[in-house]
């Protein structure tokens, strides 16, 4: 099941995502987050975590760093070092 889910996301990344301008407000992107969550937590829990992340990604959210947590959680992972957050914000202001 993990391989099927990852294959579907990779298909999205390769064939669908390039048709639209970048819009994910997080790093890693929502599709990369989904793959990492499925690899780390399995198809069911990882799929739920990835879906929750996609639902959090909308124009009214600040975005930023949001890595896959070590334990299953539907909440946003607390930011890592502040340097990375600052770097991320500077990169997105340039666009």
N, C-alpha and C. Protein backbone atom coordinates (compact mmCIF):
# COMPACT_ATOMS: atom_id res chain seq x y z
N UNK A 1 0.82 -1.19 0.00
CA UNK A 1 0.00 0.00 0.00
C UNK A 1 0.87 1.26 0.00
N UNK A 2 1.99 1.21 0.77
CA UNK A 2 2.89 2.37 0.81
C UNK A 2 3.40 2.71 -0.59
N UNK A 3 3.80 1.68 -1.34
CA UNK A 3 4.35 1.91 -2.68
C UNK A 3 3.31 2.51 -3.62
N UNK A 4 2.07 2.08 -3.49
CA UNK A 4 1.00 2.62 -4.33
C UNK A 4 0.78 4.10 -4.02
N UNK A 5 0.69 4.43 -2.74
CA UNK A 5 0.47 5.84 -2.35
C UNK A 5 1.62 6.72 -2.81
N UNK A 6 2.84 6.25 -2.59
CA UNK A 6 4.02 7.03 -3.00
C UNK A 6 4.04 7.17 -4.51
N UNK A 7 3.68 6.11 -5.23
CA UNK A 7 3.62 6.18 -6.69
C UNK A 7 2.60 7.19 -7.19
N UNK A 8 1.45 7.25 -6.53
CA UNK A 8 0.43 8.24 -6.90
C UNK A 8 0.93 9.67 -6.69
N UNK A 9 1.60 9.89 -5.56
CA UNK A 9 2.11 11.24 -5.28
C UNK A 9 3.22 11.60 -6.26
N UNK A 10 4.10 10.64 -6.55
CA UNK A 10 5.17 10.91 -7.53
C UNK A 10 4.57 11.22 -8.91
N UNK A 11 3.50 10.52 -9.28
CA UNK A 11 2.81 10.82 -10.53
C UNK A 11 2.26 12.23 -10.54
N UNK A 12 1.68 12.63 -9.42
CA UNK A 12 1.20 14.02 -9.29
C UNK A 12 2.36 14.99 -9.45
N UNK A 13 3.48 14.72 -8.77
CA UNK A 13 4.63 15.62 -8.83
C UNK A 13 5.17 15.74 -10.25
N UNK A 14 5.15 14.65 -10.98
CA UNK A 14 5.75 14.65 -12.31
C UNK A 14 4.82 15.19 -13.41
N UNK A 15 3.54 14.84 -13.33
CA UNK A 15 2.66 15.15 -14.45
C UNK A 15 1.64 16.27 -14.19
N UNK A 16 1.19 16.44 -12.98
CA UNK A 16 0.15 17.43 -12.69
C UNK A 16 0.73 18.72 -12.13
N UNK A 17 1.59 18.60 -11.14
CA UNK A 17 2.15 19.77 -10.47
C UNK A 17 2.83 20.76 -11.42
N UNK A 18 3.59 20.30 -12.42
CA UNK A 18 4.24 21.26 -13.33
C UNK A 18 3.28 22.12 -14.15
N UNK A 19 2.02 21.73 -14.22
CA UNK A 19 1.04 22.49 -14.99
C UNK A 19 0.56 23.75 -14.27
N UNK A 20 0.86 23.85 -12.98
CA UNK A 20 0.39 24.97 -12.16
C UNK A 20 1.56 25.70 -11.52
N UNK A 21 1.40 26.99 -11.23
CA UNK A 21 2.48 27.73 -10.56
C UNK A 21 2.66 27.21 -9.13
N UNK A 22 3.87 27.32 -8.58
CA UNK A 22 4.10 26.87 -7.20
C UNK A 22 3.18 27.61 -6.23
N UNK A 23 2.53 26.88 -5.35
CA UNK A 23 1.60 27.53 -4.42
C UNK A 23 1.71 27.01 -2.99
N UNK A 24 2.51 25.98 -2.76
CA UNK A 24 2.62 25.43 -1.40
C UNK A 24 3.31 26.45 -0.50
N UNK A 25 2.76 26.66 0.66
CA UNK A 25 3.27 27.66 1.59
C UNK A 25 4.24 27.06 2.61
N UNK A 26 4.50 25.78 2.49
CA UNK A 26 5.36 25.10 3.44
C UNK A 26 6.60 24.52 2.78
N UNK A 27 7.58 24.24 3.59
CA UNK A 27 8.73 23.45 3.18
C UNK A 27 8.88 22.33 4.19
N UNK A 28 8.99 21.09 3.75
CA UNK A 28 8.91 20.62 2.37
C UNK A 28 7.49 20.79 1.81
N UNK A 29 7.40 20.71 0.49
CA UNK A 29 6.09 20.88 -0.15
C UNK A 29 5.12 19.82 0.37
N UNK A 30 3.85 20.05 0.17
CA UNK A 30 2.84 19.12 0.66
C UNK A 30 3.00 17.72 0.06
N UNK A 31 3.35 17.65 -1.21
CA UNK A 31 3.52 16.33 -1.82
C UNK A 31 4.76 15.62 -1.26
N UNK A 32 5.84 16.35 -1.04
CA UNK A 32 7.03 15.75 -0.43
C UNK A 32 6.74 15.34 1.01
N UNK A 33 5.98 16.16 1.72
CA UNK A 33 5.58 15.84 3.10
C UNK A 33 4.78 14.53 3.11
N UNK A 34 3.85 14.38 2.17
CA UNK A 34 3.04 13.17 2.10
C UNK A 34 3.93 11.94 1.92
N UNK A 35 4.89 12.02 1.00
CA UNK A 35 5.79 10.89 0.77
C UNK A 35 6.58 10.57 2.03
N UNK A 36 7.15 11.59 2.66
CA UNK A 36 7.95 11.37 3.87
C UNK A 36 7.09 10.79 4.99
N UNK A 37 5.86 11.27 5.14
CA UNK A 37 4.97 10.78 6.19
C UNK A 37 4.60 9.32 5.95
N UNK A 38 4.32 8.96 4.71
CA UNK A 38 3.98 7.57 4.38
C UNK A 38 5.19 6.67 4.61
N UNK A 39 6.38 7.13 4.21
CA UNK A 39 7.59 6.33 4.44
C UNK A 39 7.85 6.13 5.93
N UNK A 40 7.64 7.17 6.72
CA UNK A 40 7.98 7.12 8.14
C UNK A 40 6.89 6.46 8.99
N UNK A 41 5.61 6.68 8.67
CA UNK A 41 4.52 6.24 9.54
C UNK A 41 3.58 5.21 8.91
N UNK A 42 3.84 4.82 7.67
CA UNK A 42 2.99 3.84 7.01
C UNK A 42 1.89 4.50 6.20
N UNK A 43 1.20 3.68 5.41
CA UNK A 43 0.20 4.20 4.48
C UNK A 43 -0.97 4.88 5.18
N UNK A 44 -1.50 4.26 6.23
CA UNK A 44 -2.69 4.82 6.88
C UNK A 44 -2.36 6.10 7.65
N UNK A 45 -1.47 6.00 8.63
CA UNK A 45 -1.14 7.18 9.44
C UNK A 45 -0.46 8.26 8.59
N UNK A 46 0.46 7.86 7.73
CA UNK A 46 1.15 8.82 6.87
C UNK A 46 0.19 9.51 5.91
N UNK A 47 -0.77 8.74 5.38
CA UNK A 47 -1.78 9.32 4.50
C UNK A 47 -2.66 10.32 5.22
N UNK A 48 -3.02 10.00 6.46
CA UNK A 48 -3.82 10.93 7.26
C UNK A 48 -3.03 12.19 7.55
N UNK A 49 -1.75 12.03 7.92
CA UNK A 49 -0.91 13.19 8.21
C UNK A 49 -0.74 14.07 6.97
N UNK A 50 -0.52 13.43 5.81
CA UNK A 50 -0.36 14.18 4.57
C UNK A 50 -1.62 14.92 4.18
N UNK A 51 -2.77 14.28 4.37
CA UNK A 51 -4.05 14.93 4.07
C UNK A 51 -4.28 16.12 5.00
N UNK A 52 -3.96 15.95 6.28
CA UNK A 52 -4.10 17.06 7.24
C UNK A 52 -3.21 18.22 6.83
N UNK A 53 -2.01 17.92 6.36
CA UNK A 53 -1.08 18.96 5.92
C UNK A 53 -1.65 19.71 4.71
N UNK A 54 -2.20 18.98 3.75
CA UNK A 54 -2.79 19.62 2.57
C UNK A 54 -3.94 20.54 2.98
N UNK A 55 -4.73 20.12 3.95
CA UNK A 55 -5.84 20.95 4.42
C UNK A 55 -5.36 22.20 5.16
N UNK A 56 -4.15 22.14 5.75
CA UNK A 56 -3.57 23.31 6.43
C UNK A 56 -2.97 24.31 5.44
N UNK A 57 -2.72 23.88 4.22
CA UNK A 57 -2.02 24.71 3.24
C UNK A 57 -3.04 25.51 2.42
N UNK A 58 -3.22 26.76 2.78
CA UNK A 58 -4.16 27.63 2.08
C UNK A 58 -3.63 29.06 2.13
N UNK A 59 -4.20 29.97 1.35
CA UNK A 59 -3.67 31.34 1.25
C UNK A 59 -3.66 32.13 2.55
N UNK A 60 -4.41 31.71 3.55
CA UNK A 60 -4.50 32.49 4.79
C UNK A 60 -3.53 32.03 5.87
N UNK A 61 -2.69 31.06 5.56
CA UNK A 61 -1.72 30.55 6.52
C UNK A 61 -0.34 31.14 6.20
N UNK A 62 0.45 31.37 7.23
CA UNK A 62 1.77 31.97 7.05
C UNK A 62 2.73 31.00 6.35
N UNK A 63 2.60 29.72 6.62
CA UNK A 63 3.49 28.73 6.02
C UNK A 63 4.78 28.61 6.80
N UNK A 64 5.83 28.18 6.13
CA UNK A 64 7.13 28.04 6.77
C UNK A 64 7.58 26.60 6.81
N UNK A 65 8.49 26.31 7.71
CA UNK A 65 9.01 24.96 7.86
C UNK A 65 8.02 24.09 8.61
N UNK A 66 7.80 22.90 8.09
CA UNK A 66 6.89 21.96 8.74
C UNK A 66 7.32 20.55 8.35
N UNK A 67 8.27 20.02 9.11
CA UNK A 67 8.79 18.69 8.82
C UNK A 67 7.86 17.62 9.38
N UNK A 68 7.97 16.41 8.86
CA UNK A 68 7.20 15.28 9.37
C UNK A 68 7.70 14.97 10.78
N UNK A 69 6.79 14.94 11.78
CA UNK A 69 7.22 14.66 13.15
C UNK A 69 7.62 13.19 13.32
N UNK A 70 8.38 12.93 14.35
CA UNK A 70 8.83 11.56 14.65
C UNK A 70 7.68 10.68 15.09
N UNK A 71 6.69 11.25 15.76
CA UNK A 71 5.53 10.49 16.21
C UNK A 71 4.29 11.00 15.48
N UNK A 72 3.30 10.12 15.35
CA UNK A 72 2.06 10.47 14.64
C UNK A 72 1.39 11.68 15.29
N UNK A 73 1.06 12.66 14.48
CA UNK A 73 0.39 13.87 14.96
C UNK A 73 -0.31 14.55 13.79
N UNK A 74 -1.46 15.14 14.06
CA UNK A 74 -2.15 15.91 13.02
C UNK A 74 -1.84 17.39 13.14
N UNK A 75 -1.10 17.77 14.16
CA UNK A 75 -0.74 19.17 14.36
C UNK A 75 0.54 19.50 13.60
N UNK A 76 0.71 20.77 13.39
CA UNK A 76 1.92 21.24 12.73
C UNK A 76 3.12 20.99 13.64
N UNK A 77 4.19 20.51 13.04
CA UNK A 77 5.41 20.24 13.77
C UNK A 77 6.03 21.57 14.20
N UNK A 78 6.43 21.73 15.46
CA UNK A 78 7.07 22.99 15.88
C UNK A 78 8.29 23.29 15.02
N UNK A 79 8.53 24.56 14.79
CA UNK A 79 9.65 24.95 13.95
C UNK A 79 10.96 24.44 14.52
N UNK A 80 11.86 24.16 13.62
CA UNK A 80 13.22 23.76 13.99
C UNK A 80 14.00 25.04 14.25
N UNK A 81 15.27 25.08 13.94
CA UNK A 81 16.04 26.30 14.22
C UNK A 81 15.46 27.54 13.54
N UNK A 82 15.52 28.65 14.24
CA UNK A 82 14.96 29.91 13.75
C UNK A 82 15.67 30.38 12.49
N UNK A 83 16.94 30.02 12.33
CA UNK A 83 17.69 30.42 11.14
C UNK A 83 17.01 29.91 9.87
N UNK A 84 16.54 28.67 9.91
CA UNK A 84 15.89 28.09 8.74
C UNK A 84 14.59 28.82 8.43
N UNK A 85 13.83 29.17 9.46
CA UNK A 85 12.57 29.88 9.26
C UNK A 85 12.83 31.23 8.61
N UNK A 86 13.82 31.95 9.09
CA UNK A 86 14.16 33.25 8.54
C UNK A 86 14.58 33.11 7.08
N UNK A 87 15.40 32.11 6.78
CA UNK A 87 15.85 31.86 5.42
C UNK A 87 14.65 31.58 4.52
N UNK A 88 13.73 30.75 4.97
CA UNK A 88 12.55 30.40 4.19
C UNK A 88 11.73 31.65 3.87
N UNK A 89 11.50 32.50 4.86
CA UNK A 89 10.71 33.71 4.65
C UNK A 89 11.39 34.65 3.67
N UNK A 90 12.71 34.77 3.75
CA UNK A 90 13.45 35.64 2.83
C UNK A 90 13.33 35.14 1.40
N UNK A 91 13.39 33.83 1.21
CA UNK A 91 13.29 33.26 -0.12
C UNK A 91 11.92 33.51 -0.73
N UNK A 92 10.87 33.44 0.06
CA UNK A 92 9.52 33.63 -0.46
C UNK A 92 9.18 35.10 -0.68
N UNK A 93 9.87 36.02 -0.03
CA UNK A 93 9.65 37.44 -0.26
C UNK A 93 10.21 37.87 -1.61
N UNK A 94 11.23 37.15 -2.09
CA UNK A 94 11.87 37.48 -3.36
C UNK A 94 10.98 37.16 -4.55
N UNK A 95 10.00 36.28 -4.38
CA UNK A 95 9.15 35.85 -5.51
C UNK A 95 8.18 36.90 -5.93
